[in-house]
């Protein structure tokens, strides 16, 4: 059984050990955060981040504005106009329109829309870097 003095000594050593490692960790984080924030504030890095963010936001907004909702096709939307123009009263099962309607009603359209937006934004950034705009 541990005596009181051995327990107190162990607590003091553990506390000192923990405190020393906390100071090392804090110094490490501070140094690398300073390096990261310095890199992040460069104009070409900001241009890339802004281009990616704007493209992502636009694509997600467009996917949301198509007019496919939880209750089906939203009246007066782009999807409703497309449905009435392309299909009239008959929308074929298994087609792209029916699949998008089903995905929206099941709640699986936006994860795919988000993935599409991320891919499109990344392609815009790659094209921008290849054109030399982000340097």
C-alpha atoms as a PDB file:
ATOM      1  CA  UNK A   1       0.000   0.000   0.000  1.00  0.00           C
ATOM      2  CA  UNK A   2       1.265   3.471  -0.820  1.00  0.00           C
ATOM      3  CA  UNK A   3       2.005   5.737   2.046  1.00  0.00           C
ATOM      4  CA  UNK A   4       0.850   9.324   2.085  1.00  0.00           C
ATOM      5  CA  UNK A   5       4.358  10.713   1.466  1.00  0.00           C
ATOM      6  CA  UNK A   6       4.962   8.438  -1.556  1.00  0.00           C
ATOM      7  CA  UNK A   7       1.591   9.380  -3.023  1.00  0.00           C
ATOM      8  CA  UNK A   8       2.209  13.097  -2.557  1.00  0.00           C
ATOM      9  CA  UNK A   9       5.680  12.755  -4.089  1.00  0.00           C
ATOM     10  CA  UNK A  10       4.245  10.890  -7.087  1.00  0.00           C
ATOM     11  CA  UNK A  11       1.548  13.568  -7.528  1.00  0.00           C
ATOM     12  CA  UNK A  12       4.166  16.305  -7.460  1.00  0.00           C
ATOM     13  CA  UNK A  13       6.367  14.519 -10.005  1.00  0.00           C
ATOM     14  CA  UNK A  14       3.404  13.802 -12.294  1.00  0.00           C
ATOM     15  CA  UNK A  15       2.236  17.414 -12.022  1.00  0.00           C
ATOM     16  CA  UNK A  16       5.707  18.710 -12.832  1.00  0.00           C
ATOM     17  CA  UNK A  17       6.042  16.289 -15.748  1.00  0.00           C
ATOM     18  CA  UNK A  18       2.624  17.296 -17.101  1.00  0.00           C
ATOM     19  CA  UNK A  19       3.342  20.989 -16.717  1.00  0.00           C
ATOM     20  CA  UNK A  20       6.685  20.693 -18.550  1.00  0.00           C
ATOM     21  CA  UNK A  21       5.074  18.863 -21.447  1.00  0.00           C
ATOM     22  CA  UNK A  22       2.224  21.355 -21.524  1.00  0.00           C
ATOM     23  CA  UNK A  23       4.747  24.188 -21.884  1.00  0.00           C
ATOM     24  CA  UNK A  24       6.476  22.344 -24.755  1.00  0.00           C
ATOM     25  CA  UNK A  25       3.127  21.719 -26.446  1.00  0.00           C
ATOM     26  CA  UNK A  26       2.060  25.329 -25.997  1.00  0.00           C
ATOM     27  CA  UNK A  27       5.339  26.567 -27.492  1.00  0.00           C
ATOM     28  CA  UNK A  28       4.985  24.140 -30.420  1.00  0.00           C
ATOM     29  CA  UNK A  29       1.408  25.247 -31.153  1.00  0.00           C
ATOM     30  CA  UNK A  30       2.292  28.939 -30.858  1.00  0.00           C
ATOM     31  CA  UNK A  31       5.256  28.610 -33.234  1.00  0.00           C
ATOM     32  CA  UNK A  32       3.356  26.631 -35.863  1.00  0.00           C
ATOM     33  CA  UNK A  33       0.244  28.801 -35.595  1.00  0.00           C
ATOM     34  CA  UNK A  34       2.411  31.868 -36.216  1.00  0.00           C
ATOM     35  CA  UNK A  35       3.966  30.167 -39.258  1.00  0.00           C
ATOM     36  CA  UNK A  36       0.535  29.072 -40.550  1.00  0.00           C
ATOM     37  CA  UNK A  37      -1.094  32.468 -40.073  1.00  0.00           C
ATOM     38  CA  UNK A  38       1.868  34.139 -41.802  1.00  0.00           C
ATOM     39  CA  UNK A  39       1.517  31.768 -44.759  1.00  0.00           C
ATOM     40  CA  UNK A  40      -2.250  32.224 -44.812  1.00  0.00           C
ATOM     41  CA  UNK A  41      -2.002  36.022 -45.000  1.00  0.00           C
ATOM     42  CA  UNK A  42      -0.058  35.975 -48.280  1.00  0.00           C
ATOM     43  CA  UNK A  43      -2.072  37.499 -51.148  1.00  0.00           C
ATOM     44  CA  UNK A  44      -1.812  34.492 -53.475  1.00  0.00           C
ATOM     45  CA  UNK A  45      -3.028  32.129 -50.754  1.00  0.00           C
ATOM     46  CA  UNK A  46      -5.959  34.413 -49.962  1.00  0.00           C
ATOM     47  CA  UNK A  47      -6.859  34.546 -53.663  1.00  0.00           C
ATOM     48  CA  UNK A  48      -6.973  30.753 -53.851  1.00  0.00           C
ATOM     49  CA  UNK A  49      -9.082  30.463 -50.700  1.00  0.00           C
ATOM     50  CA  UNK A  50     -11.506  33.146 -51.870  1.00  0.00           C
ATOM     51  CA  UNK A  51     -11.826  31.570 -55.337  1.00  0.00           C
ATOM     52  CA  UNK A  52     -12.550  28.154 -53.819  1.00  0.00           C
ATOM     53  CA  UNK A  53     -15.073  29.568 -51.338  1.00  0.00           C
ATOM     54  CA  UNK A  54     -16.946  31.649 -53.909  1.00  0.00           C
ATOM     55  CA  UNK A  55     -17.131  28.788 -56.414  1.00  0.00           C
ATOM     56  CA  UNK A  56     -18.290  26.341 -53.748  1.00  0.00           C
ATOM     57  CA  UNK A  57     -20.987  28.747 -52.538  1.00  0.00           C
ATOM     58  CA  UNK A  58     -22.268  29.446 -56.057  1.00  0.00           C
ATOM     59  CA  UNK A  59     -22.499  25.751 -56.994  1.00  0.00           C
ATOM     60  CA  UNK A  60     -24.242  24.795 -53.736  1.00  0.00           C
ATOM     61  CA  UNK A  61     -26.677  27.682 -54.181  1.00  0.00           C
ATOM     62  CA  UNK A  62     -27.443  26.624 -57.754  1.00  0.00           C
ATOM     63  CA  UNK A  63     -28.095  23.033 -56.673  1.00  0.00           C
ATOM     64  CA  UNK A  64     -30.413  24.272 -53.926  1.00  0.00           C
ATOM     65  CA  UNK A  65     -32.251  26.578 -56.352  1.00  0.00           C
ATOM     66  CA  UNK A  66     -33.015  23.858 -58.906  1.00  0.00           C
ATOM     67  CA  UNK A  67     -36.411  23.273 -57.356  1.00  0.00           C
ATOM     68  CA  UNK A  68     -36.219  19.726 -56.044  1.00  0.00           C
ATOM     69  CA  UNK A  69     -37.500  19.658 -52.467  1.00  0.00           C
ATOM     70  CA  UNK A  70     -38.636  17.331 -49.698  1.00  0.00           C
ATOM     71  CA  UNK A  71     -42.178  17.350 -51.057  1.00  0.00           C
ATOM     72  CA  UNK A  72     -41.141  16.789 -54.675  1.00  0.00           C
ATOM     73  CA  UNK A  73     -40.815  19.379 -57.404  1.00  0.00           C
ATOM     74  CA  UNK A  74     -41.384  22.904 -56.084  1.00  0.00           C
ATOM     75  CA  UNK A  75     -44.070  24.818 -58.003  1.00  0.00           C
ATOM     76  CA  UNK A  76     -42.761  27.656 -60.162  1.00  0.00           C
ATOM     77  CA  UNK A  77     -39.138  26.499 -59.914  1.00  0.00           C
ATOM     78  CA  UNK A  78     -36.658  25.700 -62.648  1.00  0.00           C
ATOM     79  CA  UNK A  79     -37.391  21.992 -62.114  1.00  0.00           C
ATOM     80  CA  UNK A  80     -41.131  22.599 -62.593  1.00  0.00           C
ATOM     81  CA  UNK A  81     -40.539  24.540 -65.816  1.00  0.00           C
ATOM     82  CA  UNK A  82     -38.191  21.815 -67.068  1.00  0.00           C
ATOM     83  CA  UNK A  83     -40.679  19.082 -66.169  1.00  0.00           C
ATOM     84  CA  UNK A  84     -43.594  20.753 -67.932  1.00  0.00           C
ATOM     85  CA  UNK A  85     -41.521  21.625 -71.019  1.00  0.00           C
ATOM     86  CA  UNK A  86     -39.664  18.316 -71.405  1.00  0.00           C
ATOM     87  CA  UNK A  87     -42.109  15.724 -70.116  1.00  0.00           C
ATOM     88  CA  UNK A  88     -45.547  17.311 -69.977  1.00  0.00           C
ATOM     89  CA  UNK A  89     -47.814  15.046 -67.950  1.00  0.00           C
ATOM     90  CA  UNK A  90     -45.534  12.011 -68.251  1.00  0.00           C
ATOM     91  CA  UNK A  91     -42.237  11.810 -66.380  1.00  0.00           C
ATOM     92  CA  UNK A  92     -40.491   8.502 -67.125  1.00  0.00           C
ATOM     93  CA  UNK A  93     -39.472   6.410 -64.130  1.00  0.00           C
ATOM     94  CA  UNK A  94     -35.735   5.898 -63.729  1.00  0.00           C
ATOM     95  CA  UNK A  95     -34.836   9.006 -65.722  1.00  0.00           C
ATOM     96  CA  UNK A  96     -32.575  11.778 -64.484  1.00  0.00           C
ATOM     97  CA  UNK A  97     -35.504  13.978 -63.527  1.00  0.00           C
ATOM     98  CA  UNK A  98     -37.234  11.235 -61.543  1.00  0.00           C
ATOM     99  CA  UNK A  99     -33.932  10.283 -59.893  1.00  0.00           C
ATOM    100  CA  UNK A 100     -33.222  13.879 -58.824  1.00  0.00           C
ATOM    101  CA  UNK A 101     -36.773  14.206 -57.463  1.00  0.00           C
ATOM    102  CA  UNK A 102     -36.393  10.966 -55.530  1.00  0.00           C
ATOM    103  CA  UNK A 103     -32.991  11.975 -54.158  1.00  0.00           C
ATOM    104  CA  UNK A 104     -34.356  15.319 -52.968  1.00  0.00           C
ATOM    105  CA  UNK A 105     -37.349  13.684 -51.312  1.00  0.00           C
ATOM    106  CA  UNK A 106     -35.084  11.183 -49.539  1.00  0.00           C
ATOM    107  CA  UNK A 107     -32.621  13.892 -48.473  1.00  0.00           C
ATOM    108  CA  UNK A 108     -29.680  12.489 -50.420  1.00  0.00           C
ATOM    109  CA  UNK A 109     -29.439  15.226 -53.063  1.00  0.00           C
ATOM    110  CA  UNK A 110     -27.516  17.810 -51.029  1.00  0.00           C
ATOM    111  CA  UNK A 111     -24.617  15.545 -49.975  1.00  0.00           C
ATOM    112  CA  UNK A 112     -24.035  14.870 -53.669  1.00  0.00           C
ATOM    113  CA  UNK A 113     -24.541  18.559 -54.421  1.00  0.00           C
ATOM    114  CA  UNK A 114     -21.939  19.427 -51.816  1.00  0.00           C
ATOM    115  CA  UNK A 115     -19.500  16.915 -53.290  1.00  0.00           C
ATOM    116  CA  UNK A 116     -20.110  18.353 -56.756  1.00  0.00           C
ATOM    117  CA  UNK A 117     -19.517  21.866 -55.403  1.00  0.00           C
ATOM    118  CA  UNK A 118     -16.238  20.818 -53.754  1.00  0.00           C
ATOM    119  CA  UNK A 119     -15.028  19.170 -56.963  1.00  0.00           C
ATOM    120  CA  UNK A 120     -15.997  22.171 -59.085  1.00  0.00           C
ATOM    121  CA  UNK A 121     -14.335  24.604 -56.662  1.00  0.00           C
ATOM    122  CA  UNK A 122     -11.162  22.525 -56.649  1.00  0.00           C
ATOM    123  CA  UNK A 123     -11.110  22.424 -60.463  1.00  0.00           C
ATOM    124  CA  UNK A 124     -11.482  26.217 -60.569  1.00  0.00           C
ATOM    125  CA  UNK A 125      -8.560  26.617 -58.155  1.00  0.00           C
ATOM    126  CA  UNK A 126      -6.396  24.181 -60.149  1.00  0.00           C
ATOM    127  CA  UNK A 127      -7.201  26.051 -63.375  1.00  0.00           C
ATOM    128  CA  UNK A 128      -6.430  29.325 -61.643  1.00  0.00           C
ATOM    129  CA  UNK A 129      -3.059  28.047 -60.396  1.00  0.00           C
ATOM    130  CA  UNK A 130      -2.176  26.583 -63.803  1.00  0.00           C
ATOM    131  CA  UNK A 131      -2.968  29.948 -65.406  1.00  0.00           C
ATOM    132  CA  UNK A 132      -0.611  31.629 -62.943  1.00  0.00           C
ATOM    133  CA  UNK A 133      -3.266  33.722 -61.239  1.00  0.00           C
ATOM    134  CA  UNK A 134      -2.633  32.482 -57.718  1.00  0.00           C
ATOM    135  CA  UNK A 135       1.076  33.220 -57.596  1.00  0.00           C
END
